[in-house]
Protein backbone atom coordinates (compact mmCIF):
# COMPACT_ATOMS: atom_id res chain seq x y z
CA MET A 1 -22.17 0.01 -17.64
CA THR A 2 -22.01 -3.71 -16.89
CA LYS A 3 -21.19 -4.52 -13.30
CA LEU A 4 -17.85 -6.24 -12.94
CA SER A 5 -17.69 -9.74 -11.49
CA LEU A 6 -15.89 -10.08 -8.16
CA ALA A 7 -12.80 -11.47 -9.89
CA GLU A 8 -12.81 -8.62 -12.40
CA SER A 9 -13.17 -6.09 -9.59
CA VAL A 10 -10.31 -7.68 -7.63
CA ILE A 11 -7.89 -7.78 -10.52
CA ARG A 12 -8.69 -4.17 -11.46
CA ALA A 13 -7.91 -3.15 -7.88
CA MET A 14 -4.58 -4.96 -8.27
CA ASP A 15 -3.84 -3.05 -11.51
CA GLY A 16 -4.40 -5.99 -13.79
CA THR A 17 -6.92 -6.86 -16.49
CA ASP A 18 -7.28 -10.66 -16.59
CA PRO A 19 -9.45 -12.18 -13.82
CA ASP A 20 -7.80 -15.58 -14.46
CA LEU A 21 -4.87 -14.18 -12.48
CA VAL A 22 -6.84 -13.82 -9.23
CA PRO A 23 -6.22 -17.38 -7.87
CA TYR A 24 -2.49 -16.77 -8.26
CA LEU A 25 -2.36 -13.42 -6.41
CA PRO A 26 -1.53 -14.98 -3.01
CA TYR A 27 1.49 -16.68 -4.57
CA ILE A 28 2.57 -13.59 -6.53
CA LEU A 29 2.32 -11.35 -3.44
CA GLN A 30 3.55 -13.84 -0.85
CA ASP A 31 6.65 -11.77 -0.04
CA ALA A 32 4.76 -8.57 0.72
CA TRP A 33 2.59 -7.72 3.70
CA GLU A 34 2.19 -3.97 3.13
CA ILE A 35 0.92 -3.97 -0.43
CA GLY A 36 -0.21 -0.40 -0.99
CA THR A 37 -0.92 2.43 1.40
CA ASP A 38 1.63 3.92 3.79
CA ALA A 39 0.41 3.13 7.31
CA GLU A 40 2.32 5.93 9.02
CA THR A 41 0.65 8.53 6.81
CA ILE A 42 -2.79 7.25 7.75
CA ILE A 43 -1.92 7.01 11.44
CA GLY A 44 -0.72 10.62 11.41
CA MET A 45 -3.83 11.79 9.61
CA ILE A 46 -6.15 10.06 12.07
CA THR A 47 -4.19 11.40 15.03
CA ARG A 48 -4.40 14.99 13.77
CA HIS A 49 -8.12 14.98 13.06
CA PHE A 50 -9.78 12.61 15.51
CA PRO A 51 -9.73 12.94 19.31
CA ASN A 52 -9.90 9.90 21.60
CA THR A 53 -8.32 7.64 19.00
CA GLY A 54 -8.64 4.62 21.26
CA LYS A 55 -12.41 4.81 20.95
CA LEU A 56 -12.55 5.02 17.18
CA ALA A 57 -14.21 2.43 14.95
CA VAL A 58 -12.25 2.04 11.71
CA LEU A 59 -13.35 0.24 8.52
CA ASP A 60 -10.62 -0.90 6.12
CA LEU A 61 -12.19 -1.74 2.74
CA GLY A 62 -10.10 -3.92 0.45
CA CYS A 63 -7.78 -4.46 3.39
CA GLY A 64 -5.46 -6.91 1.66
CA LYS A 65 -3.31 -8.66 4.24
CA GLY A 66 -4.38 -6.29 7.00
CA ALA A 67 -1.23 -4.20 7.28
CA ILE A 68 -3.08 -0.89 7.67
CA SER A 69 -5.60 -2.19 10.20
CA VAL A 70 -2.96 -3.96 12.27
CA ARG A 71 -0.63 -0.96 12.32
CA VAL A 72 -3.44 1.51 13.06
CA ALA A 73 -4.80 -0.67 15.87
CA ASN A 74 -1.33 -1.14 17.30
CA ALA A 75 -0.51 2.57 17.22
CA LEU A 76 -3.87 4.02 18.29
CA GLY A 77 -5.63 1.26 20.21
CA CYS A 78 -8.80 1.55 18.11
CA GLN A 79 -11.12 -1.13 16.77
CA CYS A 80 -10.45 -2.02 13.12
CA HIS A 81 -12.64 -4.03 10.78
CA GLY A 82 -11.04 -5.21 7.53
CA ILE A 83 -12.77 -6.78 4.54
CA ASP A 84 -11.11 -8.29 1.47
CA ALA A 85 -12.21 -10.66 -1.29
CA ILE A 86 -9.18 -12.97 -1.16
CA PRO A 87 -9.42 -15.61 1.62
CA ALA A 88 -5.66 -16.17 1.77
CA PHE A 89 -5.11 -12.46 2.41
CA ILE A 90 -7.63 -12.53 5.27
CA ASP A 91 -5.92 -15.58 6.78
CA GLU A 92 -2.62 -13.70 6.78
CA ALA A 93 -4.26 -10.57 8.20
CA ARG A 94 -5.56 -12.58 11.16
CA SER A 95 -2.15 -14.13 11.64
CA LYS A 96 -0.41 -10.76 11.59
CA ALA A 97 -2.93 -9.35 14.07
CA SER A 98 -2.04 -12.17 16.43
CA VAL A 99 1.71 -11.69 15.96
CA HIS A 100 1.37 -7.95 16.69
CA GLY A 101 -0.86 -8.52 19.70
CA VAL A 102 -3.95 -6.79 18.34
CA SER A 103 -6.28 -9.69 17.64
CA GLN A 104 -8.72 -8.29 20.18
CA LEU A 105 -8.81 -5.00 18.24
CA CYS A 106 -8.90 -6.32 14.67
CA ARG A 107 -11.67 -8.24 12.94
CA PHE A 108 -11.05 -9.50 9.42
CA GLU A 109 -13.50 -11.15 7.07
CA THR A 110 -13.73 -12.28 3.48
CA GLY A 111 -16.33 -10.56 1.34
CA ASP A 112 -17.21 -8.43 -1.66
CA ILE A 113 -16.99 -4.88 -0.30
CA ARG A 114 -19.51 -3.72 -2.91
CA GLN A 115 -22.12 -5.86 -1.16
CA GLU A 116 -20.83 -5.78 2.40
CA ILE A 117 -21.20 -2.01 2.72
CA ASN A 118 -24.97 -2.43 2.52
CA ARG A 119 -25.11 -4.34 5.80
CA LEU A 120 -22.39 -2.67 7.85
CA PRO A 121 -22.84 -0.40 10.88
CA ARG A 122 -21.37 3.09 10.94
CA TYR A 123 -17.73 3.97 11.55
CA ASP A 124 -15.61 6.96 12.53
CA VAL A 125 -13.04 6.33 9.80
CA ILE A 126 -13.35 4.46 6.51
CA ILE A 127 -10.13 3.65 4.65
CA LEU A 128 -9.79 2.84 0.95
CA GLY A 129 -6.13 2.09 0.57
CA ALA A 130 -5.03 2.13 -3.07
CA ILE A 131 -7.84 -0.08 -4.33
CA GLY A 132 -8.93 2.10 -7.24
CA PRO A 133 -12.53 2.81 -8.30
CA VAL A 134 -14.01 -0.44 -6.95
CA LEU A 135 -17.11 1.44 -5.72
CA GLY A 136 -17.29 3.75 -8.75
CA ASN A 137 -15.98 7.27 -9.28
CA TYR A 138 -15.49 9.69 -6.39
CA TYR A 139 -19.09 10.88 -6.41
CA GLN A 140 -20.45 7.33 -6.40
CA THR A 141 -17.96 6.12 -3.80
CA LEU A 142 -18.49 9.00 -1.38
CA THR A 143 -22.26 9.03 -1.80
CA THR A 144 -22.30 5.34 -0.91
CA LEU A 145 -19.88 5.52 1.99
CA LYS A 146 -20.98 8.70 3.75
CA ASP A 147 -24.07 6.86 5.01
CA CYS A 148 -21.67 4.48 6.77
CA LEU A 149 -20.01 7.34 8.69
CA LEU A 150 -20.72 8.30 12.26
CA PRO A 151 -21.17 12.04 12.98
CA GLY A 152 -17.82 13.76 12.59
CA GLY A 153 -16.41 10.79 10.68
CA GLY A 154 -14.14 10.83 7.67
CA ILE A 155 -13.05 8.81 4.66
CA ILE A 156 -9.35 8.31 3.92
CA ILE A 157 -8.54 7.50 0.29
CA ASP A 158 -5.13 6.60 -1.12
CA ASP A 159 -5.30 7.33 -4.84
CA GLY A 160 -3.73 9.17 -7.74
CA TYR A 161 -4.97 12.06 -9.85
CA ILE A 162 -3.74 14.01 -12.86
CA GLU A 163 -2.84 17.66 -12.55
CA ASP A 164 -5.14 19.83 -14.65
CA HIS A 165 -2.30 21.24 -16.77
CA HIS A 166 -0.94 17.77 -17.62
CA ASP A 167 -1.98 16.33 -20.99
CA PHE A 168 -1.71 12.71 -19.77
CA SER A 169 -5.00 10.78 -19.63
CA HIS A 170 -6.04 7.45 -18.14
CA PRO A 171 -9.50 5.84 -18.15
CA LEU A 172 -9.43 5.22 -14.38
CA VAL A 173 -7.69 8.40 -13.19
CA LEU A 174 -9.38 11.79 -12.86
CA LYS A 175 -8.00 15.28 -13.34
CA ARG A 176 -7.69 17.05 -10.01
CA SER A 177 -10.44 19.58 -10.74
CA GLU A 178 -12.90 16.84 -11.66
CA MET A 179 -11.98 14.87 -8.53
CA VAL A 180 -12.59 17.92 -6.32
CA ASN A 181 -15.84 18.64 -8.16
CA GLN A 182 -17.11 15.11 -7.53
CA ILE A 183 -16.14 15.32 -3.85
CA SER A 184 -18.11 18.58 -3.56
CA LYS A 185 -21.07 17.16 -5.50
CA ALA A 186 -21.23 14.33 -2.97
CA GLY A 187 -21.61 16.92 -0.19
CA MET A 188 -18.10 16.42 1.12
CA THR A 189 -14.85 18.38 1.45
CA LEU A 190 -11.19 17.50 1.04
CA VAL A 191 -9.82 18.31 4.51
CA GLU A 192 -6.20 17.18 4.29
CA GLU A 193 -3.96 15.83 1.57
CA SER A 194 -0.57 14.14 1.94
CA LEU A 195 1.45 13.93 -1.28
CA PHE A 196 4.18 11.47 -2.25
CA ASP A 197 6.98 12.50 -4.57
CA ALA A 198 8.38 10.17 -7.23
CA ASP A 199 11.30 9.06 -5.05
CA LYS A 200 9.01 7.93 -2.23
CA VAL A 201 6.66 6.22 -4.65
CA ALA A 202 9.58 4.34 -6.17
CA ALA A 203 10.95 3.43 -2.74
CA ASN A 204 7.57 1.90 -1.87
CA ASN A 205 7.03 0.21 -5.24
CA ASP A 206 10.45 -1.14 -6.13
CA PRO A 207 10.78 -3.94 -3.52
CA LEU A 208 7.25 -5.13 -4.29
CA MET A 209 7.93 -4.99 -8.01
CA ASP A 210 11.13 -7.00 -7.66
CA SER A 211 9.46 -9.80 -5.73
CA LEU A 212 6.41 -9.76 -8.02
CA ILE A 213 8.61 -10.30 -11.08
CA VAL A 214 10.37 -13.24 -9.44
CA ARG A 215 7.09 -14.91 -8.43
CA CYS A 216 5.43 -14.36 -11.80
CA LYS A 217 8.41 -15.90 -13.60
CA GLU A 218 8.25 -18.87 -11.24
CA LEU A 219 4.58 -19.33 -12.10
CA ALA A 220 5.37 -19.04 -15.82
CA ILE A 221 7.71 -22.01 -15.44
CA LYS A 222 5.28 -24.03 -13.30
CA HIS A 223 2.33 -23.30 -15.62
CA PRO A 224 3.77 -22.97 -19.15
CA THR A 225 0.32 -22.88 -20.77
CA LYS A 226 -0.39 -19.72 -18.76
CA LYS A 227 3.01 -18.13 -19.31
CA GLU A 228 1.61 -15.07 -21.07
CA LEU A 229 -0.86 -14.47 -18.24
CA PHE A 230 2.00 -13.97 -15.79
CA LEU A 231 4.33 -12.12 -18.15
CA ASN A 232 1.51 -9.73 -19.09
CA TYR A 233 0.95 -8.97 -15.42
CA ILE A 234 4.63 -8.08 -15.05
CA ARG A 235 4.33 -5.69 -17.97
CA GLN A 236 1.13 -4.17 -16.56
CA GLN A 237 2.74 -3.64 -13.17
CA GLN A 238 5.82 -2.07 -14.70
CA GLU A 239 3.64 0.36 -16.65
CA GLU A 240 1.56 1.09 -13.56
CA SER A 241 4.74 1.88 -11.61
CA ARG A 242 5.90 4.19 -14.38
CA ILE A 243 2.56 6.03 -14.35
CA LEU A 244 2.64 6.42 -10.58
CA GLU A 245 6.17 7.80 -10.66
CA GLU A 246 5.93 10.00 -13.75
CA GLU A 247 2.37 10.89 -14.69
CA VAL A 248 0.05 11.16 -11.68
CA VAL A 249 0.07 12.75 -8.25
CA CYS A 250 -0.03 10.09 -5.53
CA SER A 251 -2.02 11.29 -2.57
CA VAL A 252 -3.62 10.21 0.68
CA MET A 253 -6.73 12.32 1.27
CA LEU A 254 -9.02 12.83 4.24
CA ILE A 255 -12.55 13.68 3.16
CA ARG A 256 -15.40 14.73 5.46
CA ARG A 257 -18.98 15.88 5.14
CA SER A 258 -19.28 19.54 4.20
CA HIS A 259 -20.77 21.84 6.82
CA THR A 260 -24.16 23.14 5.74
């Protein structure tokens, strides 16, 4: 399998297919700070499973505009390190950290997380917030990341899966049994799972979708030769929203090393 370019990896994480769209993502998403994962769910999960939260070191991979890191640092007082490939997103993350008074707790940097993980220290918590299979499937992702965990650490993944009895299929979404099998094969265990019903998924997606449509249509007017690029992204996002609400189970999962 050919390794994706950084732009291809970024646009896949944003549920698109054309890397030419990447330079326009800051404009398209300018109205949204919290792009994907629900921060309160992650804060609750960390609080339930990790003592001394103020001493935790948290890594937020594909951190976007830093909403998760900023909210986690603000709520728990822990050190958060966010990495994202889009410089404009990192600029906004740093600005938001300052506004929320957690600049001393949050460090944000631009980088390709596929490369950065090879040089990073170890962390108590690693978060992958709705970025898709950027690091590979579950087995590949967990095998790579568990070496970045401190003893007793855990990986929190916001993702979707397909129930085993459902006949829907998607090239980037696993059946639940296969997901659990890959987690086990990586020497890890699913410790806690927080599910989102269709109404909550829609409540999270709809405002973002509305603003995305407006911004894409603005870009289609400003750049008429690229009109189809932006209209296609609208269609892709609408289909992605439909899949999330109707076809897959949306879940935030805490995964830890299995006891041997």
